[in-house]
C-alpha cells in the first residue's frame, strides 16, 4: 500500500500511510516526530496484547477506534490481499498497490457495519474481488482501442541467440517477459468468476469450499470454473510455444 488516504469508520478517522514498509495510522491532528514515535510504541505494545485475538474480535476493536487492531489485521492479510490483487489484475498488475490500499480502506470504513456471518478471510476476499473488478473495468475503459505494447529491438538487433553471454541473458529475459505477457493476456480474457477461482486455488491454496463461499456458489461450480480456466491457460501456453 502506498501514499496517504483519509478514511473514516463509525467512531474515528485516520490517515493510512505506508512508510518504511510499515502501515502507519496517524490521527488527524498533525502529530510531530516525538508524538509519532510514542504512538508507534503504543501501537506495538497493543498489537502484542492483541496478537491472540480472532479476526472478528479485532474488527470489533477497529470499529471502536483501536488503530493497533487494524494494524494487526493488515499485517495478517497484506500478503494475501496484495498477491490476489496482483494476479487478478493480469496485465494491469502495476496498479496492485493502489487496489490493495483501496481494499484495506474499505475494511476500515466498514468496521462498524461488519457482521461475522462468515469467516473474516471470506468477507475480505469478497472486498478484494469487488475492488479488483471495479478497477479492471475502469482501466479497460481507459485503454479501449489502444494497441498493447510489444518488446522493441534496437536497430541491428535480432531475436537470435547471441554468442555474447551477456546478450544471451538479455535475450532470455525478453523471452521470459514475452511468456509472462502471454499468460497475463490469457488471464485478462478469463471471465471474472473463472479468474478469481483459479487465483484462489492455484496461488492462495484455498480449498474448494472456501472458494465457493467467497464466490457465493457451489463446490461443483468452483471445480468447473477452475477446469475451464486452466484449459484456457493451457491453450494460450500451447499457442505461444508453437509460434
Protein backbone atom coordinates (compact mmCIF):
# COMPACT_ATOMS: atom_id res chain seq x y z
CA UNK A 1 0.00 0.00 0.00
CA UNK A 2 1.37 3.35 -0.94
CA UNK A 3 0.55 7.03 -0.47
CA UNK A 4 -1.79 8.50 2.10
CA UNK A 5 -5.58 8.44 2.22
CA UNK A 6 -8.02 9.84 4.77
CA UNK A 7 -10.50 7.24 5.99
CA UNK A 8 -13.35 7.29 8.49
CA UNK A 9 -15.11 4.44 10.26
CA UNK A 10 -18.02 4.69 12.64
CA UNK A 11 -16.07 6.19 15.52
CA UNK A 12 -12.80 7.69 14.34
CA UNK A 13 -10.80 8.93 11.40
CA UNK A 14 -7.22 8.18 10.40
CA UNK A 15 -4.76 8.52 7.58
CA UNK A 16 -3.25 5.39 6.11
CA UNK A 17 0.38 5.92 5.18
CA UNK A 18 2.99 3.41 4.06
CA UNK A 19 6.40 4.34 5.42
CA UNK A 20 9.47 2.14 5.73
CA UNK A 21 7.47 -0.95 4.79
CA UNK A 22 5.06 -0.48 7.72
CA UNK A 23 1.48 0.74 7.61
CA UNK A 24 1.21 3.71 9.97
CA UNK A 25 -2.07 5.16 11.16
CA UNK A 26 -1.83 8.79 12.21
CA UNK A 27 -4.64 10.78 13.78
CA UNK A 28 -5.74 13.93 12.06
CA UNK A 29 -4.09 16.40 14.42
CA UNK A 30 -0.72 16.94 12.75
CA UNK A 31 1.37 14.99 15.27
CA UNK A 32 5.13 15.58 15.39
CA UNK A 33 8.11 13.20 15.39
CA UNK A 34 8.14 12.55 19.15
CA UNK A 35 4.39 12.05 19.25
CA UNK A 36 4.61 9.73 16.24
CA UNK A 37 7.32 7.66 17.95
CA UNK A 38 5.24 7.35 21.10
CA UNK A 39 2.20 6.41 19.01
CA UNK A 40 4.12 3.64 17.23
CA UNK A 41 5.49 2.30 20.53
CA UNK A 42 1.98 2.22 21.97
CA UNK A 43 0.64 0.51 18.85
CA UNK A 44 3.40 -2.12 19.04
CA UNK A 45 2.50 -2.83 22.68
CA UNK A 46 -1.20 -3.05 21.88
CA UNK A 47 -0.50 -5.33 18.93
CA UNK A 48 1.43 -7.74 21.15
CA UNK A 49 -1.53 -7.88 23.51
CA UNK A 50 -3.98 -8.33 20.61
CA UNK A 51 -1.97 -10.96 18.75
CA UNK A 52 -4.01 -13.90 20.05
CA UNK A 53 -7.37 -12.27 19.27
CA UNK A 54 -9.54 -13.60 16.46
CA UNK A 55 -10.17 -11.58 13.32
CA UNK A 56 -13.74 -10.99 14.45
CA UNK A 57 -12.57 -9.62 17.81
CA UNK A 58 -10.10 -7.34 16.06
CA UNK A 59 -12.82 -5.97 13.78
CA UNK A 60 -14.94 -5.10 16.83
CA UNK A 61 -11.99 -3.19 18.25
CA UNK A 62 -11.36 -1.43 14.94
CA UNK A 63 -14.99 -0.31 15.00
CA UNK A 64 -14.25 1.21 18.39
CA UNK A 65 -11.32 3.17 17.02
CA UNK A 66 -8.47 0.82 18.02
CA UNK A 67 -5.76 1.55 15.45
CA UNK A 68 -3.47 -1.22 16.72
CA UNK A 69 -6.19 -3.78 15.95
CA UNK A 70 -6.42 -2.51 12.39
CA UNK A 71 -2.63 -2.59 12.04
CA UNK A 72 -2.61 -6.23 13.12
CA UNK A 73 -5.33 -7.16 10.63
CA UNK A 74 -3.31 -5.53 7.87
CA UNK A 75 -0.19 -7.47 8.90
CA UNK A 76 -2.13 -10.73 8.92
CA UNK A 77 -3.65 -10.29 5.49
CA UNK A 78 -1.49 -7.89 3.46
CA UNK A 79 0.30 -10.73 1.62
CA UNK A 80 -2.99 -12.42 0.73
CA UNK A 81 -4.55 -9.15 -0.44
CA UNK A 82 -1.53 -7.97 -2.40
CA UNK A 83 -0.88 -11.36 -4.02
CA UNK A 84 -4.51 -11.87 -5.01
CA UNK A 85 -4.80 -8.35 -6.42
CA UNK A 86 -1.56 -8.77 -8.39
CA UNK A 87 -2.68 -11.99 -10.07
CA UNK A 88 -6.27 -10.87 -10.60
CA UNK A 89 -5.21 -7.63 -12.29
CA UNK A 90 -3.33 -9.50 -15.03
CA UNK A 91 -1.66 -7.08 -17.42
CA UNK A 92 -2.70 -4.19 -15.16
CA UNK A 93 -0.67 -5.58 -12.24
CA UNK A 94 1.23 -2.27 -11.92
CA UNK A 95 -1.95 -0.99 -10.23
CA UNK A 96 -1.69 -3.57 -7.45
CA UNK A 97 -0.56 -1.17 -4.72
CA UNK A 98 -3.44 1.21 -5.33
CA UNK A 99 -6.05 -1.55 -5.37
CA UNK A 100 -4.65 -3.22 -2.24
CA UNK A 101 -4.88 0.12 -0.46
CA UNK A 102 -8.49 0.52 -1.58
CA UNK A 103 -9.26 -2.91 -0.07
CA UNK A 104 -7.96 -2.01 3.38
CA UNK A 105 -9.61 1.42 3.26
CA UNK A 106 -12.93 -0.32 2.66
CA UNK A 107 -12.26 -2.74 5.52
CA UNK A 108 -11.60 0.18 7.86
CA UNK A 109 -14.68 2.10 6.74
CA UNK A 110 -16.89 -0.98 7.06
CA UNK A 111 -15.70 -1.97 10.55
CA UNK A 112 -18.73 -0.52 12.33
CA UNK A 113 -21.08 -2.44 10.00
CA UNK A 114 -19.17 -5.73 9.99
CA UNK A 115 -21.24 -8.79 10.95
CA UNK A 116 -19.27 -12.03 11.42
CA UNK A 117 -21.68 -14.22 9.46
CA UNK A 118 -18.78 -15.82 7.57
CA UNK A 119 -15.03 -16.15 8.08
CA UNK A 120 -13.29 -12.78 8.05
CA UNK A 121 -11.00 -14.09 5.27
CA UNK A 122 -14.01 -14.89 3.08
CA UNK A 123 -15.51 -11.44 3.71
CA UNK A 124 -12.15 -9.79 2.98
CA UNK A 125 -11.71 -11.66 -0.31
CA UNK A 126 -15.18 -10.53 -1.37
CA UNK A 127 -13.96 -6.95 -0.95
CA UNK A 128 -10.80 -7.81 -2.91
CA UNK A 129 -12.90 -9.22 -5.70
CA UNK A 130 -15.16 -6.16 -5.87
CA UNK A 131 -12.22 -3.71 -5.80
CA UNK A 132 -10.29 -5.60 -8.48
CA UNK A 133 -13.19 -5.95 -10.90
CA UNK A 134 -14.25 -2.32 -10.45
CA UNK A 135 -10.67 -1.22 -11.15
CA UNK A 136 -10.33 -3.55 -14.16
CA UNK A 137 -13.49 -2.17 -15.74
CA UNK A 138 -12.19 1.36 -15.22
CA UNK A 139 -8.76 0.56 -16.70
CA UNK A 140 -10.20 -1.27 -19.70
CA UNK A 141 -12.48 1.66 -20.50
CA UNK A 142 -9.44 3.96 -20.41
CA UNK A 143 -7.42 1.68 -22.71
CA UNK A 144 -10.10 0.79 -25.27
CA UNK A 145 -8.69 0.95 -28.79
CA UNK A 146 -5.07 1.23 -27.67
CA UNK A 147 -2.54 -1.19 -29.15
CA UNK A 148 -0.71 -3.27 -26.50
CA UNK A 149 2.99 -2.53 -26.22
CA UNK A 150 5.31 -5.13 -27.71
CA UNK A 151 9.00 -5.68 -26.95
CA UNK A 152 11.13 -3.41 -29.11
CA UNK A 153 14.53 -4.26 -30.59
CA UNK A 154 17.29 -1.76 -31.20
CA UNK A 155 18.36 -1.21 -34.78
CA UNK A 156 20.53 -4.08 -35.94
CA UNK A 157 19.40 -6.48 -33.20
CA UNK A 158 17.62 -9.75 -33.85
CA UNK A 159 15.92 -12.34 -31.71
CA UNK A 160 18.55 -14.99 -32.40
CA UNK A 161 20.73 -16.42 -29.63
CA UNK A 162 23.70 -14.14 -29.06
CA UNK A 163 27.26 -15.50 -28.78
CA UNK A 164 27.96 -12.96 -26.05
CA UNK A 165 26.70 -14.46 -22.71
CA UNK A 166 25.53 -11.04 -21.51
CA UNK A 167 23.49 -10.55 -24.68
CA UNK A 168 22.19 -14.11 -24.37
CA UNK A 169 20.94 -13.32 -20.86
CA UNK A 170 19.22 -10.23 -22.21
CA UNK A 171 17.52 -12.31 -24.91
CA UNK A 172 16.35 -14.81 -22.30
CA UNK A 173 14.88 -12.03 -20.22
CA UNK A 174 12.98 -10.78 -23.26
CA UNK A 175 11.58 -14.27 -23.85
CA UNK A 176 10.59 -14.52 -20.20
CA UNK A 177 8.78 -11.19 -20.46
CA UNK A 178 7.02 -12.34 -23.62
CA UNK A 179 5.85 -15.51 -21.87
CA UNK A 180 4.68 -13.51 -18.87
CA UNK A 181 2.79 -11.13 -21.17
CA UNK A 182 1.18 -14.11 -22.90
CA UNK A 183 -0.03 -15.57 -19.61
CA UNK A 184 -1.20 -12.20 -18.32
CA UNK A 185 -3.10 -11.61 -21.56
CA UNK A 186 -4.72 -15.05 -21.21
CA UNK A 187 -5.65 -14.21 -17.62
CA UNK A 188 -7.22 -10.96 -18.85
CA UNK A 189 -9.51 -12.94 -21.13
CA UNK A 190 -10.85 -15.20 -18.41
CA UNK A 191 -14.37 -14.42 -17.16
CA UNK A 192 -14.35 -12.84 -13.69
CA UNK A 193 -15.51 -15.92 -11.79
CA UNK A 194 -13.02 -18.20 -13.54
CA UNK A 195 -10.15 -15.83 -12.86
CA UNK A 196 -10.96 -15.47 -9.17
CA UNK A 197 -11.45 -19.21 -8.69
CA UNK A 198 -8.16 -20.01 -10.41
CA UNK A 199 -6.15 -17.45 -8.42
CA UNK A 200 -7.57 -18.55 -5.08
CA UNK A 201 -6.95 -22.22 -5.81
CA UNK A 202 -3.67 -22.10 -7.74
CA UNK A 203 -1.84 -19.37 -5.85
CA UNK A 204 -3.55 -18.97 -2.47
CA UNK A 205 -4.06 -22.73 -2.00
CA UNK A 206 -7.62 -22.30 -0.73
CA UNK A 207 -9.87 -25.34 -0.57
CA UNK A 208 -12.93 -25.64 -2.80
CA UNK A 209 -15.40 -24.87 -0.02
CA UNK A 210 -13.61 -21.63 0.91
CA UNK A 211 -13.62 -20.55 -2.71
CA UNK A 212 -17.29 -21.45 -3.06
CA UNK A 213 -18.10 -19.32 -0.01
CA UNK A 214 -16.12 -16.39 -1.41
CA UNK A 215 -17.78 -16.60 -4.83
CA UNK A 216 -21.19 -17.42 -3.33
CA UNK A 217 -21.57 -20.56 -5.41
CA UNK A 218 -21.29 -24.35 -5.04
CA UNK A 219 -18.19 -26.55 -4.81
CA UNK A 220 -19.08 -28.30 -8.07
CA UNK A 221 -19.38 -24.93 -9.79
CA UNK A 222 -15.96 -23.89 -8.45
CA UNK A 223 -14.37 -27.08 -9.80
CA UNK A 224 -15.93 -26.42 -13.20
CA UNK A 225 -14.71 -22.80 -13.19
CA UNK A 226 -11.16 -23.86 -12.37
CA UNK A 227 -11.15 -26.61 -15.01
CA UNK A 228 -12.25 -24.19 -17.74
CA UNK A 229 -9.78 -21.53 -16.60
CA UNK A 230 -6.86 -23.97 -16.62
CA UNK A 231 -7.88 -25.23 -20.05
CA UNK A 232 -7.83 -21.65 -21.40
CA UNK A 233 -4.39 -21.01 -19.86
CA UNK A 234 -3.04 -24.28 -21.30
CA UNK A 235 -4.23 -23.33 -24.78
CA UNK A 236 -2.59 -19.91 -24.50
CA UNK A 237 0.70 -21.51 -23.48
CA UNK A 238 0.44 -24.08 -26.29
CA UNK A 239 -0.15 -21.34 -28.90
CA UNK A 240 2.86 -19.41 -27.57
CA UNK A 241 5.17 -22.47 -27.70
CA UNK A 242 4.11 -23.26 -31.28
CA UNK A 243 4.98 -19.78 -32.60
